[in-house]
C-alpha atoms as a PDB file:
ATOM      1  CA  MET A   1      84.688  59.403 154.345  1.00  0.00           C
ATOM      2  CA  LYS A   2      85.708  56.181 152.603  1.00  0.00           C
ATOM      3  CA  ASP A   3      89.156  55.383 151.304  1.00  0.00           C
ATOM      4  CA  TYR A   4      89.135  54.633 147.566  1.00  0.00           C
ATOM      5  CA  ARG A   5      89.880  50.969 148.320  1.00  0.00           C
ATOM      6  CA  GLU A   6      86.751  50.654 150.464  1.00  0.00           C
ATOM      7  CA  TYR A   7      84.325  51.162 147.586  1.00  0.00           C
ATOM      8  CA  THR A   8      82.840  47.922 146.343  1.00  0.00           C
ATOM      9  CA  ASP A   9      82.827  46.899 142.703  1.00  0.00           C
ATOM     10  CA  HIS A  10      79.068  47.407 142.741  1.00  0.00           C
ATOM     11  CA  GLU A  11      79.455  51.003 143.959  1.00  0.00           C
ATOM     12  CA  ILE A  12      82.053  51.711 141.282  1.00  0.00           C
ATOM     13  CA  LYS A  13      79.826  50.264 138.541  1.00  0.00           C
ATOM     14  CA  THR A  14      76.872  52.283 139.834  1.00  0.00           C
ATOM     15  CA  PHE A  15      78.939  55.452 139.583  1.00  0.00           C
ATOM     16  CA  GLN A  16      80.052  54.557 136.055  1.00  0.00           C
ATOM     17  CA  ARG A  17      76.443  53.911 135.054  1.00  0.00           C
ATOM     18  CA  ILE A  18      75.337  57.330 136.366  1.00  0.00           C
ATOM     19  CA  VAL A  19      78.051  59.061 134.323  1.00  0.00           C
ATOM     20  CA  TYR A  20      77.405  57.047 131.160  1.00  0.00           C
ATOM     21  CA  ASP A  21      73.629  57.417 131.445  1.00  0.00           C
ATOM     22  CA  TYR A  22      74.004  61.187 131.461  1.00  0.00           C
ATOM     23  CA  TYR A  23      76.434  61.084 128.544  1.00  0.00           C
ATOM     24  CA  GLN A  24      74.176  58.884 126.431  1.00  0.00           C
ATOM     25  CA  SER A  25      71.184  61.157 126.979  1.00  0.00           C
ATOM     26  CA  SER A  26      72.844  64.588 127.049  1.00  0.00           C
ATOM     27  CA  GLY A  27      76.422  64.338 125.774  1.00  0.00           C
ATOM     28  CA  ARG A  28      77.751  67.356 123.856  1.00  0.00           C
ATOM     29  CA  ASP A  29      78.230  67.271 120.096  1.00  0.00           C
ATOM     30  CA  LEU A  30      81.717  68.770 119.742  1.00  0.00           C
ATOM     31  CA  PRO A  31      83.644  68.859 116.443  1.00  0.00           C
ATOM     32  CA  TRP A  32      86.906  67.478 117.844  1.00  0.00           C
ATOM     33  CA  ARG A  33      85.044  64.410 119.067  1.00  0.00           C
ATOM     34  CA  LYS A  34      84.309  63.467 115.463  1.00  0.00           C
ATOM     35  CA  THR A  35      87.960  62.716 114.743  1.00  0.00           C
ATOM     36  CA  HIS A  36      90.711  60.504 116.125  1.00  0.00           C
ATOM     37  CA  ASN A  37      93.355  62.483 114.249  1.00  0.00           C
ATOM     38  CA  PRO A  38      96.034  63.252 116.875  1.00  0.00           C
ATOM     39  CA  TYR A  39      96.939  66.609 115.312  1.00  0.00           C
ATOM     40  CA  GLU A  40      93.347  67.829 115.246  1.00  0.00           C
ATOM     41  CA  ILE A  41      92.796  66.717 118.834  1.00  0.00           C
ATOM     42  CA  LEU A  42      96.045  68.361 119.947  1.00  0.00           C
ATOM     43  CA  VAL A  43      94.916  71.647 118.377  1.00  0.00           C
ATOM     44  CA  SER A  44      91.586  71.444 120.215  1.00  0.00           C
ATOM     45  CA  GLU A  45      93.293  70.776 123.549  1.00  0.00           C
ATOM     46  CA  ILE A  46      95.619  73.761 123.171  1.00  0.00           C
ATOM     47  CA  MET A  47      92.655  75.944 122.205  1.00  0.00           C
ATOM     48  CA  LEU A  48      90.617  74.740 125.174  1.00  0.00           C
ATOM     49  CA  GLN A  49      93.241  75.830 127.710  1.00  0.00           C
ATOM     50  CA  GLN A  50      91.563  78.611 129.738  1.00  0.00           C
ATOM     51  CA  THR A  51      89.022  79.238 126.966  1.00  0.00           C
ATOM     52  CA  GLN A  52      85.289  78.562 126.818  1.00  0.00           C
ATOM     53  CA  VAL A  53      84.134  75.711 124.603  1.00  0.00           C
ATOM     54  CA  SER A  54      81.756  77.995 122.678  1.00  0.00           C
ATOM     55  CA  ARG A  55      84.632  80.256 121.612  1.00  0.00           C
ATOM     56  CA  VAL A  56      86.772  77.297 120.573  1.00  0.00           C
ATOM     57  CA  ILE A  57      83.956  75.873 118.440  1.00  0.00           C
ATOM     58  CA  GLU A  58      83.859  79.153 116.505  1.00  0.00           C
ATOM     59  CA  LYS A  59      87.578  78.981 115.622  1.00  0.00           C
ATOM     60  CA  TYR A  60      88.449  75.283 115.541  1.00  0.00           C
ATOM     61  CA  GLY A  61      87.038  74.312 112.140  1.00  0.00           C
ATOM     62  CA  GLU A  62      88.484  77.347 110.388  1.00  0.00           C
ATOM     63  CA  PHE A  63      91.901  76.759 111.960  1.00  0.00           C
ATOM     64  CA  ILE A  64      91.987  73.096 110.897  1.00  0.00           C
ATOM     65  CA  LYS A  65      90.856  74.033 107.391  1.00  0.00           C
ATOM     66  CA  THR A  66      93.656  76.597 107.103  1.00  0.00           C
ATOM     67  CA  PHE A  67      96.315  74.393 108.716  1.00  0.00           C
ATOM     68  CA  PRO A  68      95.132  70.814 108.033  1.00  0.00           C
ATOM     69  CA  ASP A  69      98.235  69.063 109.356  1.00  0.00           C
ATOM     70  CA  ILE A  70     101.437  69.525 111.334  1.00  0.00           C
ATOM     71  CA  THR A  71     103.495  70.346 108.258  1.00  0.00           C
ATOM     72  CA  SER A  72     101.208  73.148 107.085  1.00  0.00           C
ATOM     73  CA  LEU A  73     101.250  74.682 110.560  1.00  0.00           C
ATOM     74  CA  ALA A  74     105.020  74.310 110.893  1.00  0.00           C
ATOM     75  CA  GLU A  75     105.589  76.026 107.546  1.00  0.00           C
ATOM     76  CA  ALA A  76     103.095  78.854 108.162  1.00  0.00           C
ATOM     77  CA  THR A  77     104.225  82.327 109.169  1.00  0.00           C
ATOM     78  CA  LEU A  78     103.614  83.401 112.750  1.00  0.00           C
ATOM     79  CA  ILE A  79     101.454  86.298 111.566  1.00  0.00           C
ATOM     80  CA  ASP A  80      99.179  83.865 109.683  1.00  0.00           C
ATOM     81  CA  VAL A  81      98.839  81.683 112.773  1.00  0.00           C
ATOM     82  CA  LEU A  82      98.082  84.687 114.984  1.00  0.00           C
ATOM     83  CA  ALA A  83      95.530  85.924 112.471  1.00  0.00           C
ATOM     84  CA  MET A  84      93.678  82.614 112.721  1.00  0.00           C
ATOM     85  CA  TRP A  85      93.987  82.703 116.524  1.00  0.00           C
ATOM     86  CA  GLN A  86      92.249  86.073 116.923  1.00  0.00           C
ATOM     87  CA  GLY A  87      89.344  85.801 119.350  1.00  0.00           C
ATOM     88  CA  LEU A  88      90.772  82.950 121.432  1.00  0.00           C
ATOM     89  CA  GLY A  89      93.017  85.056 123.660  1.00  0.00           C
ATOM     90  CA  TYR A  90      96.237  84.012 125.399  1.00  0.00           C
ATOM     91  CA  ASN A  91      98.151  84.466 122.148  1.00  0.00           C
ATOM     92  CA  ARG A  92     101.230  82.845 123.637  1.00  0.00           C
ATOM     93  CA  ARG A  93      99.446  79.548 123.025  1.00  0.00           C
ATOM     94  CA  ALA A  94      99.447  80.246 119.283  1.00  0.00           C
ATOM     95  CA  LEU A  95     103.202  80.810 119.366  1.00  0.00           C
ATOM     96  CA  SER A  96     103.694  77.612 121.387  1.00  0.00           C
ATOM     97  CA  LEU A  97     101.523  75.669 118.951  1.00  0.00           C
ATOM     98  CA  LYS A  98     103.553  76.981 116.008  1.00  0.00           C
ATOM     99  CA  LYS A  99     106.844  76.025 117.707  1.00  0.00           C
ATOM    100  CA  LEU A 100     105.392  72.654 118.675  1.00  0.00           C
ATOM    101  CA  ALA A 101     104.469  71.961 115.052  1.00  0.00           C
ATOM    102  CA  GLU A 102     108.007  72.770 113.929  1.00  0.00           C
ATOM    103  CA  ILE A 103     109.499  70.383 116.504  1.00  0.00           C
ATOM    104  CA  VAL A 104     107.079  67.549 115.704  1.00  0.00           C
ATOM    105  CA  ASN A 105     107.596  68.035 111.973  1.00  0.00           C
ATOM    106  CA  ASN A 106     111.386  67.975 112.264  1.00  0.00           C
ATOM    107  CA  THR A 107     111.870  65.499 115.119  1.00  0.00           C
ATOM    108  CA  TYR A 108     108.978  63.051 114.765  1.00  0.00           C
ATOM    109  CA  GLY A 109     108.342  63.194 111.023  1.00  0.00           C
ATOM    110  CA  GLY A 110     105.035  64.990 111.522  1.00  0.00           C
ATOM    111  CA  TYR A 111     103.586  62.369 113.893  1.00  0.00           C
ATOM    112  CA  ILE A 112     102.351  63.403 117.344  1.00  0.00           C
ATOM    113  CA  PRO A 113     104.218  61.267 119.917  1.00  0.00           C
ATOM    114  CA  PRO A 114     101.724  59.078 121.835  1.00  0.00           C
ATOM    115  CA  HIS A 115     103.498  59.324 125.185  1.00  0.00           C
ATOM    116  CA  VAL A 116     102.869  61.729 128.063  1.00  0.00           C
ATOM    117  CA  SER A 117     106.582  62.215 128.801  1.00  0.00           C
ATOM    118  CA  LEU A 118     107.374  63.152 125.181  1.00  0.00           C
ATOM    119  CA  LEU A 119     104.334  65.397 124.829  1.00  0.00           C
ATOM    120  CA  MET A 120     105.319  67.322 127.962  1.00  0.00           C
ATOM    121  CA  GLN A 121     108.629  68.212 126.345  1.00  0.00           C
ATOM    122  CA  LEU A 122     106.769  70.155 123.651  1.00  0.00           C
ATOM    123  CA  PRO A 123     105.996  73.898 124.015  1.00  0.00           C
ATOM    124  CA  GLY A 124     102.683  74.750 125.650  1.00  0.00           C
ATOM    125  CA  ILE A 125     101.912  71.231 126.886  1.00  0.00           C
ATOM    126  CA  GLY A 126     101.723  70.483 130.596  1.00  0.00           C
ATOM    127  CA  ASN A 127     100.710  67.322 132.397  1.00  0.00           C
ATOM    128  CA  ALA A 128      96.936  67.765 132.032  1.00  0.00           C
ATOM    129  CA  THR A 129      97.100  68.561 128.308  1.00  0.00           C
ATOM    130  CA  ALA A 130      99.528  65.699 127.636  1.00  0.00           C
ATOM    131  CA  ASN A 131      97.223  63.224 129.367  1.00  0.00           C
ATOM    132  CA  ALA A 132      94.181  64.629 127.562  1.00  0.00           C
ATOM    133  CA  ILE A 133      95.888  64.135 124.190  1.00  0.00           C
ATOM    134  CA  CYS A 134      96.848  60.563 125.103  1.00  0.00           C
ATOM    135  CA  ALA A 135      93.286  59.793 126.195  1.00  0.00           C
ATOM    136  CA  PHE A 136      91.381  61.460 123.354  1.00  0.00           C
ATOM    137  CA  ALA A 137      93.794  60.970 120.447  1.00  0.00           C
ATOM    138  CA  PHE A 138      95.225  57.551 121.306  1.00  0.00           C
ATOM    139  CA  ASN A 139      92.609  56.081 123.694  1.00  0.00           C
ATOM    140  CA  HIS A 140      95.293  55.398 126.301  1.00  0.00           C
ATOM    141  CA  PRO A 141      94.098  54.636 129.862  1.00  0.00           C
ATOM    142  CA  VAL A 142      95.923  57.549 131.475  1.00  0.00           C
ATOM    143  CA  ILE A 143      94.926  59.244 134.711  1.00  0.00           C
ATOM    144  CA  PHE A 144      93.553  62.578 133.587  1.00  0.00           C
ATOM    145  CA  ILE A 145      92.275  65.317 135.920  1.00  0.00           C
ATOM    146  CA  GLU A 146      90.925  68.699 134.861  1.00  0.00           C
ATOM    147  CA  THR A 147      88.270  71.051 136.212  1.00  0.00           C
ATOM    148  CA  ASN A 148      85.183  69.109 135.065  1.00  0.00           C
ATOM    149  CA  VAL A 149      86.618  65.760 136.131  1.00  0.00           C
ATOM    150  CA  ARG A 150      87.390  67.243 139.562  1.00  0.00           C
ATOM    151  CA  THR A 151      83.811  68.457 139.828  1.00  0.00           C
ATOM    152  CA  VAL A 152      82.379  64.973 139.275  1.00  0.00           C
ATOM    153  CA  PHE A 153      84.595  63.252 141.836  1.00  0.00           C
ATOM    154  CA  ILE A 154      84.199  65.954 144.462  1.00  0.00           C
ATOM    155  CA  TYR A 155      80.405  65.815 144.082  1.00  0.00           C
ATOM    156  CA  HIS A 156      80.182  62.023 144.364  1.00  0.00           C
ATOM    157  CA  PHE A 157      83.033  61.123 146.723  1.00  0.00           C
ATOM    158  CA  PHE A 158      84.025  64.242 148.700  1.00  0.00           C
ATOM    159  CA  ASN A 159      80.744  66.092 149.199  1.00  0.00           C
ATOM    160  CA  THR A 160      81.359  66.599 152.933  1.00  0.00           C
ATOM    161  CA  LYS A 161      84.930  67.863 152.576  1.00  0.00           C
ATOM    162  CA  ASP A 162      85.803  71.529 152.001  1.00  0.00           C
ATOM    163  CA  THR A 163      89.254  71.291 150.397  1.00  0.00           C
ATOM    164  CA  VAL A 164      90.085  68.381 148.097  1.00  0.00           C
ATOM    165  CA  LYS A 165      93.512  67.779 146.566  1.00  0.00           C
ATOM    166  CA  ASP A 166      94.124  66.104 143.223  1.00  0.00           C
ATOM    167  CA  SER A 167      96.246  63.546 145.061  1.00  0.00           C
ATOM    168  CA  GLU A 168      93.035  62.424 146.805  1.00  0.00           C
ATOM    169  CA  ILE A 169      91.028  62.327 143.593  1.00  0.00           C
ATOM    170  CA  SER A 170      93.633  60.526 141.479  1.00  0.00           C
ATOM    171  CA  PRO A 171      93.237  57.047 143.057  1.00  0.00           C
ATOM    172  CA  LEU A 172      89.482  57.217 142.457  1.00  0.00           C
ATOM    173  CA  VAL A 173      89.984  58.311 138.845  1.00  0.00           C
ATOM    174  CA  GLU A 174      92.190  55.262 138.407  1.00  0.00           C
ATOM    175  CA  ARG A 175      89.753  52.942 140.220  1.00  0.00           C
ATOM    176  CA  THR A 176      86.738  54.066 138.177  1.00  0.00           C
ATOM    177  CA  LEU A 177      88.456  54.368 134.776  1.00  0.00           C
ATOM    178  CA  ASP A 178      86.887  52.528 131.848  1.00  0.00           C
ATOM    179  CA  TYR A 179      90.051  50.810 130.635  1.00  0.00           C
ATOM    180  CA  ASP A 180      88.306  49.482 127.537  1.00  0.00           C
ATOM    181  CA  ASN A 181      87.357  52.944 126.283  1.00  0.00           C
ATOM    182  CA  PRO A 182      89.070  55.750 128.216  1.00  0.00           C
ATOM    183  CA  ARG A 183      88.322  58.227 125.411  1.00  0.00           C
ATOM    184  CA  GLN A 184      84.574  57.792 125.813  1.00  0.00           C
ATOM    185  CA  TRP A 185      84.807  57.680 129.611  1.00  0.00           C
ATOM    186  CA  TYR A 186      86.630  60.994 129.897  1.00  0.00           C
ATOM    187  CA  ASN A 187      84.239  62.624 127.436  1.00  0.00           C
ATOM    188  CA  ALA A 188      81.381  61.387 129.605  1.00  0.00           C
ATOM    189  CA  LEU A 189      83.012  62.611 132.820  1.00  0.00           C
ATOM    190  CA  MET A 190      83.637  66.065 131.386  1.00  0.00           C
ATOM    191  CA  ASP A 191      80.082  66.479 130.106  1.00  0.00           C
ATOM    192  CA  TYR A 192      78.639  65.304 133.398  1.00  0.00           C
ATOM    193  CA  GLY A 193      80.939  67.734 135.215  1.00  0.00           C
ATOM    194  CA  VAL A 194      79.698  70.624 133.071  1.00  0.00           C
ATOM    195  CA  ALA A 195      76.121  69.738 134.011  1.00  0.00           C
ATOM    196  CA  LEU A 196      76.946  69.500 137.735  1.00  0.00           C
ATOM    197  CA  LYS A 197      78.493  72.987 137.662  1.00  0.00           C
ATOM    198  CA  LYS A 198      75.231  74.374 136.317  1.00  0.00           C
ATOM    199  CA  TYR A 199      72.870  72.642 138.717  1.00  0.00           C
ATOM    200  CA  CYS A 200      74.889  72.088 141.912  1.00  0.00           C
ATOM    201  CA  SER A 201      76.652  75.405 142.603  1.00  0.00           C
ATOM    202  CA  ASN A 202      79.883  74.086 141.085  1.00  0.00           C
ATOM    203  CA  PRO A 203      81.266  71.471 143.509  1.00  0.00           C
ATOM    204  CA  GLY A 204      84.658  72.062 141.870  1.00  0.00           C
ATOM    205  CA  ARG A 205      85.070  75.149 144.046  1.00  0.00           C
ATOM    206  CA  LYS A 206      86.003  72.754 146.840  1.00  0.00           C
ATOM    207  CA  SER A 207      89.121  71.758 144.924  1.00  0.00           C
ATOM    208  CA  ALA A 208      92.407  72.865 146.479  1.00  0.00           C
ATOM    209  CA  HIS A 209      93.417  73.802 142.925  1.00  0.00           C
ATOM    210  CA  HIS A 210      90.401  75.962 142.149  1.00  0.00           C
ATOM    211  CA  THR A 211      91.285  79.422 140.850  1.00  0.00           C
ATOM    212  CA  VAL A 212      89.198  82.322 139.584  1.00  0.00           C
ATOM    213  CA  GLN A 213      90.290  83.742 136.246  1.00  0.00           C
ATOM    214  CA  SER A 214      91.228  87.408 136.470  1.00  0.00           C
ATOM    215  CA  SER A 215      89.085  89.979 134.693  1.00  0.00           C
ATOM    216  CA  PHE A 216      89.957  90.569 131.033  1.00  0.00           C
ATOM    217  CA  GLU A 217      88.685  94.154 130.944  1.00  0.00           C
ATOM    218  CA  GLY A 218      91.564  96.546 131.519  1.00  0.00           C
ATOM    219  CA  SER A 219      94.094  93.739 131.912  1.00  0.00           C
ATOM    220  CA  ALA A 220      97.508  93.346 130.318  1.00  0.00           C
ATOM    221  CA  ARG A 221      95.972  90.518 128.263  1.00  0.00           C
ATOM    222  CA  GLN A 222      93.538  92.989 126.741  1.00  0.00           C
ATOM    223  CA  VAL A 223      96.291  95.464 125.865  1.00  0.00           C
ATOM    224  CA  ARG A 224      98.534  92.787 124.375  1.00  0.00           C
ATOM    225  CA  GLY A 225      95.641  91.390 122.394  1.00  0.00           C
ATOM    226  CA  ALA A 226      94.915  94.842 120.970  1.00  0.00           C
ATOM    227  CA  ILE A 227      98.565  95.298 119.977  1.00  0.00           C
ATOM    228  CA  LEU A 228      98.712  91.941 118.204  1.00  0.00           C
ATOM    229  CA  LYS A 229      95.369  92.514 116.502  1.00  0.00           C
ATOM    230  CA  ALA A 230      96.648  95.845 115.152  1.00  0.00           C
ATOM    231  CA  LEU A 231      99.830  94.220 113.843  1.00  0.00           C
ATOM    232  CA  VAL A 232      97.911  91.344 112.249  1.00  0.00           C
ATOM    233  CA  ILE A 233      95.876  93.919 110.301  1.00  0.00           C
ATOM    234  CA  LYS A 234      98.959  96.003 109.420  1.00  0.00           C
ATOM    235  CA  ASN A 235     102.336  94.598 110.270  1.00  0.00           C
ATOM    236  CA  ARG A 236     105.330  96.922 110.786  1.00  0.00           C
ATOM    237  CA  GLN A 237     104.009  99.955 112.621  1.00  0.00           C
ATOM    238  CA  SER A 238     105.811 102.677 114.514  1.00  0.00           C
ATOM    239  CA  PHE A 239     105.162 103.119 118.230  1.00  0.00           C
ATOM    240  CA  ASN A 240     103.121 106.271 117.572  1.00  0.00           C
ATOM    241  CA  GLU A 241     101.013 104.468 114.972  1.00  0.00           C
ATOM    242  CA  LEU A 242     100.246 101.700 117.454  1.00  0.00           C
ATOM    243  CA  ILE A 243      99.308 104.229 120.122  1.00  0.00           C
ATOM    244  CA  ASP A 244      96.773 105.777 117.745  1.00  0.00           C
ATOM    245  CA  VAL A 245      95.273 102.389 116.888  1.00  0.00           C
ATOM    246  CA  VAL A 246      95.081 100.661 120.270  1.00  0.00           C
ATOM    247  CA  CYS A 247      94.058 103.772 122.253  1.00  0.00           C
ATOM    248  CA  TYR A 248      95.828 102.961 125.525  1.00  0.00           C
ATOM    249  CA  ASP A 249      98.175 105.029 127.640  1.00  0.00           C
ATOM    250  CA  PRO A 250     101.616 105.133 125.916  1.00  0.00           C
ATOM    251  CA  ASP A 251     103.438 103.882 129.013  1.00  0.00           C
ATOM    252  CA  VAL A 252     101.066 100.914 129.266  1.00  0.00           C
ATOM    253  CA  VAL A 253     101.525 100.106 125.581  1.00  0.00           C
ATOM    254  CA  LYS A 254     105.315 100.374 125.861  1.00  0.00           C
ATOM    255  CA  LYS A 255     105.361  98.020 128.838  1.00  0.00           C
ATOM    256  CA  ASN A 256     103.257  95.433 127.011  1.00  0.00           C
ATOM    257  CA  ILE A 257     105.292  95.741 123.813  1.00  0.00           C
ATOM    258  CA  GLN A 258     108.340  94.822 125.874  1.00  0.00           C
ATOM    259  CA  ALA A 259     106.504  91.839 127.348  1.00  0.00           C
ATOM    260  CA  LEU A 260     105.364  90.638 123.901  1.00  0.00           C
ATOM    261  CA  GLU A 261     108.888  91.040 122.555  1.00  0.00           C
ATOM    262  CA  LYS A 262     110.287  89.004 125.442  1.00  0.00           C
ATOM    263  CA  GLU A 263     107.787  86.228 124.678  1.00  0.00           C
ATOM    264  CA  GLY A 264     108.836  86.203 121.014  1.00  0.00           C
ATOM    265  CA  LEU A 265     105.460  87.293 119.675  1.00  0.00           C
ATOM    266  CA  ILE A 266     106.731  90.578 118.224  1.00  0.00           C
ATOM    267  CA  ALA A 267     110.018  92.253 117.315  1.00  0.00           C
ATOM    268  CA  ASN A 268     110.942  95.882 117.942  1.00  0.00           C
ATOM    269  CA  LYS A 269     113.686  96.872 115.518  1.00  0.00           C
ATOM    270  CA  GLY A 270     114.607 100.456 114.780  1.00  0.00           C
ATOM    271  CA  ARG A 271     111.512 102.522 114.069  1.00  0.00           C
ATOM    272  CA  TYR A 272     109.123  99.607 113.578  1.00  0.00           C
ATOM    273  CA  ILE A 273     107.313  97.023 115.658  1.00  0.00           C
ATOM    274  CA  PHE A 274     106.223  93.887 113.829  1.00  0.00           C
ATOM    275  CA  ILE A 275     105.321  90.212 114.063  1.00  0.00           C
ATOM    276  CA  PRO A 276     108.421  88.330 112.876  1.00  0.00           C
END
């Protein structure tokens, strides 16, 4: 297997042409690709964490319409944000996004900071999301690796290896990057990766970082989602009222209420449980 430095410029350009040819003929039409607004792109990236694109498409436009900028999101109530988030799952992301908006509004005057290090200091943003925002919102030539990008590089450069680390992929991402238009390049890579997963038994499974998402049915996520959904419909309910609505074992509900309270998504004061 070649070292990344052993690939010729011709081989690199051939690879780039394959990716761009696919993108030009079959690239996805996604709503967040129609804007360079950093806030709107940030919202899409938070929504896309561990969530299928089809589900995000359903919620993205409505969310942006309701909260069109950082200030409107920062000033919204948590219950309004959670109400708009219903259907996306992992409700902690909605809380993080709300807190993030408050910090950006107060600290950066409502402007999303265009630096990976600053973005990573905000709630709910890790390295991959920070780099994605820099690439897609600001067109910065960052080194960005996520599941679809991994799939492309494993398929083309590591097809004979069983376990591939990001540290092995990263130099090739840097070597092949379109420095003139990283935004378009990463969009192309991700769309090509989606196609490879469908037609090539998902080469991304060879990644050392590949994980299988746990089942939603019967999980704590499902119970917590049901509790929050009930409180969005009618805030301030007693424990017994919630039991009647969510239809789970009382001990299970109690345990998940405690977890939600610890995360800051709900409060449990006196007789009532509510979204603060």
